[in-house]
Amino acid sequence: MTTAYSSPTPTRANAPGRTVSIVGIVLGALGLLFSLLLGLPGLICSIVGAAKGNRLGYIGIVVSIACTAAGMAIGMALVHR
């Protein structure tokens, strides 16, 4: 008896771009504390995740831009105080 094997279908856990999108969200959120140091890599990872077709990549782009901008504003406010 022979069994036909097929390639596994992508699930939510191994969807293309999911891991890099999550890394982008985390780095983007840390951009609030470390500004461009982690915000820019978070943006790049999120763009890669979105390019691979993962919806979390788009969320990561928004988080990265918002948190990096807020981190820069907070940093500038503390320096000019």
N, C-alpha and C. Protein backbone atom coordinates (compact mmCIF):
# COMPACT_ATOMS: atom_id res chain seq x y z
N MET A 1 0.85 -1.16 0.00
CA MET A 1 0.00 0.00 0.00
C MET A 1 0.90 1.23 0.00
N THR A 2 0.63 2.13 -0.92
CA THR A 2 1.41 3.36 -1.02
C THR A 2 0.57 4.53 -0.55
N THR A 3 1.24 5.47 0.03
CA THR A 3 0.57 6.67 0.51
C THR A 3 1.16 7.87 -0.21
N ALA A 4 0.29 8.74 -0.64
CA ALA A 4 0.75 9.95 -1.33
C ALA A 4 1.00 11.03 -0.28
N TYR A 5 2.18 11.59 -0.35
CA TYR A 5 2.52 12.69 0.56
C TYR A 5 2.43 14.00 -0.19
N SER A 6 1.90 14.98 0.47
CA SER A 6 1.84 16.31 -0.13
C SER A 6 2.57 17.29 0.78
N SER A 7 2.90 18.40 0.22
CA SER A 7 3.60 19.40 1.03
C SER A 7 2.63 19.98 2.05
N PRO A 8 3.15 20.31 3.24
CA PRO A 8 2.25 20.84 4.27
C PRO A 8 1.73 22.22 3.87
N THR A 9 0.49 22.44 4.20
CA THR A 9 -0.10 23.75 3.91
C THR A 9 0.27 24.71 5.02
N PRO A 10 0.50 25.98 4.69
CA PRO A 10 0.88 26.94 5.73
C PRO A 10 -0.25 27.14 6.73
N THR A 11 0.09 27.11 7.99
CA THR A 11 -0.88 27.39 9.04
C THR A 11 -0.56 28.75 9.62
N ARG A 12 -1.31 29.14 10.61
CA ARG A 12 -1.06 30.45 11.22
C ARG A 12 0.32 30.49 11.87
N ALA A 13 0.79 29.35 12.38
CA ALA A 13 2.07 29.34 13.08
C ALA A 13 3.26 29.46 12.14
N ASN A 14 3.14 28.94 10.92
CA ASN A 14 4.29 28.99 10.02
C ASN A 14 3.98 29.74 8.73
N ALA A 15 3.07 30.69 8.80
CA ALA A 15 2.74 31.50 7.63
C ALA A 15 3.95 32.32 7.22
N PRO A 16 4.15 32.52 5.93
CA PRO A 16 5.32 33.28 5.48
C PRO A 16 5.34 34.70 6.04
N GLY A 17 6.46 35.08 6.62
CA GLY A 17 6.62 36.43 7.12
C GLY A 17 6.10 36.66 8.52
N ARG A 18 5.51 35.66 9.15
CA ARG A 18 4.92 35.86 10.48
C ARG A 18 6.00 36.17 11.53
N THR A 19 7.06 35.40 11.54
CA THR A 19 8.11 35.60 12.54
C THR A 19 8.77 36.96 12.40
N VAL A 20 9.12 37.31 11.17
CA VAL A 20 9.78 38.60 10.96
C VAL A 20 8.83 39.76 11.26
N SER A 21 7.54 39.56 11.05
CA SER A 21 6.56 40.60 11.39
C SER A 21 6.46 40.80 12.90
N ILE A 22 6.48 39.71 13.65
CA ILE A 22 6.43 39.80 15.11
C ILE A 22 7.69 40.46 15.64
N VAL A 23 8.84 40.11 15.08
CA VAL A 23 10.09 40.75 15.47
C VAL A 23 10.01 42.25 15.17
N GLY A 24 9.42 42.61 14.04
CA GLY A 24 9.25 44.02 13.69
C GLY A 24 8.38 44.77 14.67
N ILE A 25 7.31 44.13 15.13
CA ILE A 25 6.43 44.77 16.11
C ILE A 25 7.17 44.98 17.43
N VAL A 26 7.91 43.98 17.87
CA VAL A 26 8.63 44.09 19.14
C VAL A 26 9.71 45.17 19.05
N LEU A 27 10.49 45.13 17.97
CA LEU A 27 11.54 46.15 17.82
C LEU A 27 10.94 47.54 17.67
N GLY A 28 9.84 47.63 16.94
CA GLY A 28 9.17 48.92 16.78
C GLY A 28 8.67 49.47 18.09
N ALA A 29 8.12 48.61 18.94
CA ALA A 29 7.64 49.05 20.24
C ALA A 29 8.81 49.48 21.13
N LEU A 30 9.93 48.78 21.02
CA LEU A 30 11.11 49.18 21.78
C LEU A 30 11.71 50.48 21.26
N GLY A 31 11.30 50.89 20.07
CA GLY A 31 11.71 52.17 19.53
C GLY A 31 11.23 53.33 20.38
N LEU A 32 10.23 53.08 21.22
CA LEU A 32 9.77 54.11 22.15
C LEU A 32 10.86 54.47 23.16
N LEU A 33 11.64 53.46 23.55
CA LEU A 33 12.71 53.68 24.52
C LEU A 33 14.05 54.00 23.86
N PHE A 34 14.32 53.35 22.72
CA PHE A 34 15.63 53.46 22.09
C PHE A 34 15.60 54.18 20.76
N SER A 35 14.49 54.79 20.44
CA SER A 35 14.31 55.60 19.25
C SER A 35 14.79 54.93 17.97
N LEU A 36 15.69 55.56 17.24
CA LEU A 36 16.12 55.04 15.94
C LEU A 36 16.94 53.76 16.03
N LEU A 37 17.57 53.53 17.17
CA LEU A 37 18.42 52.36 17.33
C LEU A 37 17.65 51.06 17.11
N LEU A 38 16.42 50.98 17.61
CA LEU A 38 15.60 49.79 17.42
C LEU A 38 14.36 50.05 16.56
N GLY A 39 13.96 51.30 16.43
CA GLY A 39 12.78 51.62 15.64
C GLY A 39 12.99 51.39 14.15
N LEU A 40 14.17 51.75 13.66
CA LEU A 40 14.47 51.56 12.23
C LEU A 40 14.57 50.09 11.85
N PRO A 41 15.28 49.25 12.61
CA PRO A 41 15.25 47.82 12.29
C PRO A 41 13.85 47.21 12.41
N GLY A 42 13.06 47.73 13.35
CA GLY A 42 11.67 47.26 13.47
C GLY A 42 10.86 47.60 12.23
N LEU A 43 11.08 48.79 11.69
CA LEU A 43 10.40 49.19 10.46
C LEU A 43 10.82 48.31 9.29
N ILE A 44 12.10 48.03 9.20
CA ILE A 44 12.60 47.19 8.10
C ILE A 44 12.04 45.78 8.20
N CYS A 45 12.05 45.20 9.40
CA CYS A 45 11.49 43.85 9.58
C CYS A 45 10.00 43.84 9.25
N SER A 46 9.30 44.86 9.64
CA SER A 46 7.86 44.93 9.37
C SER A 46 7.58 45.04 7.87
N ILE A 47 8.39 45.80 7.17
CA ILE A 47 8.23 45.93 5.72
C ILE A 47 8.49 44.59 5.04
N VAL A 48 9.50 43.87 5.51
CA VAL A 48 9.79 42.54 4.94
C VAL A 48 8.62 41.60 5.20
N GLY A 49 8.07 41.63 6.42
CA GLY A 49 6.91 40.79 6.74
C GLY A 49 5.70 41.13 5.89
N ALA A 50 5.46 42.42 5.68
CA ALA A 50 4.33 42.83 4.83
C ALA A 50 4.56 42.43 3.39
N ALA A 51 5.81 42.50 2.94
CA ALA A 51 6.11 42.11 1.56
C ALA A 51 5.90 40.61 1.35
N LYS A 52 6.05 39.83 2.41
CA LYS A 52 5.80 38.39 2.31
C LYS A 52 4.32 38.06 2.43
N GLY A 53 3.50 39.07 2.62
CA GLY A 53 2.06 38.87 2.62
C GLY A 53 1.43 38.68 3.99
N ASN A 54 2.14 39.00 5.04
CA ASN A 54 1.59 38.83 6.37
C ASN A 54 0.96 40.14 6.85
N ARG A 55 -0.26 40.04 7.38
CA ARG A 55 -0.97 41.25 7.84
C ARG A 55 -0.30 41.88 9.05
N LEU A 56 0.39 41.10 9.86
CA LEU A 56 1.07 41.65 11.02
C LEU A 56 2.17 42.62 10.61
N GLY A 57 2.68 42.48 9.40
CA GLY A 57 3.70 43.40 8.92
C GLY A 57 3.18 44.82 8.85
N TYR A 58 1.94 44.98 8.44
CA TYR A 58 1.34 46.32 8.36
C TYR A 58 1.15 46.92 9.75
N ILE A 59 0.78 46.08 10.69
CA ILE A 59 0.65 46.54 12.07
C ILE A 59 2.01 46.97 12.60
N GLY A 60 3.04 46.19 12.27
CA GLY A 60 4.39 46.51 12.70
C GLY A 60 4.89 47.82 12.12
N ILE A 61 4.51 48.11 10.87
CA ILE A 61 4.91 49.38 10.25
C ILE A 61 4.34 50.55 11.04
N VAL A 62 3.07 50.47 11.38
CA VAL A 62 2.41 51.55 12.13
C VAL A 62 3.03 51.68 13.52
N VAL A 63 3.24 50.55 14.20
CA VAL A 63 3.82 50.56 15.54
C VAL A 63 5.23 51.15 15.50
N SER A 64 6.03 50.73 14.52
CA SER A 64 7.41 51.20 14.42
C SER A 64 7.47 52.71 14.19
N ILE A 65 6.65 53.20 13.27
CA ILE A 65 6.68 54.64 12.99
C ILE A 65 6.18 55.44 14.19
N ALA A 66 5.07 55.01 14.79
CA ALA A 66 4.48 55.75 15.90
C ALA A 66 5.40 55.75 17.13
N CYS A 67 5.92 54.59 17.49
CA CYS A 67 6.75 54.51 18.69
C CYS A 67 8.10 55.20 18.49
N THR A 68 8.67 55.10 17.30
CA THR A 68 9.94 55.77 17.04
C THR A 68 9.76 57.28 17.08
N ALA A 69 8.70 57.78 16.47
CA ALA A 69 8.43 59.22 16.50
C ALA A 69 8.18 59.70 17.94
N ALA A 70 7.42 58.93 18.70
CA ALA A 70 7.15 59.31 20.09
C ALA A 70 8.43 59.25 20.92
N GLY A 71 9.26 58.25 20.68
CA GLY A 71 10.53 58.15 21.40
C GLY A 71 11.46 59.31 21.09
N MET A 72 11.48 59.72 19.82
CA MET A 72 12.30 60.88 19.46
C MET A 72 11.77 62.15 20.11
N ALA A 73 10.46 62.31 20.14
CA ALA A 73 9.86 63.50 20.75
C ALA A 73 10.14 63.53 22.25
N ILE A 74 10.02 62.40 22.90
CA ILE A 74 10.30 62.34 24.34
C ILE A 74 11.78 62.64 24.61
N GLY A 75 12.65 62.05 23.79
CA GLY A 75 14.08 62.31 23.95
C GLY A 75 14.44 63.77 23.75
N MET A 76 13.85 64.39 22.74
CA MET A 76 14.13 65.81 22.50
C MET A 76 13.57 66.68 23.63
N ALA A 77 12.43 66.31 24.17
CA ALA A 77 11.85 67.07 25.28
C ALA A 77 12.73 66.96 26.53
N LEU A 78 13.31 65.80 26.75
CA LEU A 78 14.18 65.62 27.92
C LEU A 78 15.50 66.36 27.75
N VAL A 79 16.02 66.41 26.53
CA VAL A 79 17.29 67.09 26.28
C VAL A 79 17.13 68.60 26.40
N HIS A 80 16.04 69.13 25.89
CA HIS A 80 15.82 70.57 25.90
C HIS A 80 15.16 71.09 27.14
N ARG A 81 15.10 70.31 28.15
CA ARG A 81 14.44 70.68 29.39
C ARG A 81 15.27 71.54 30.26
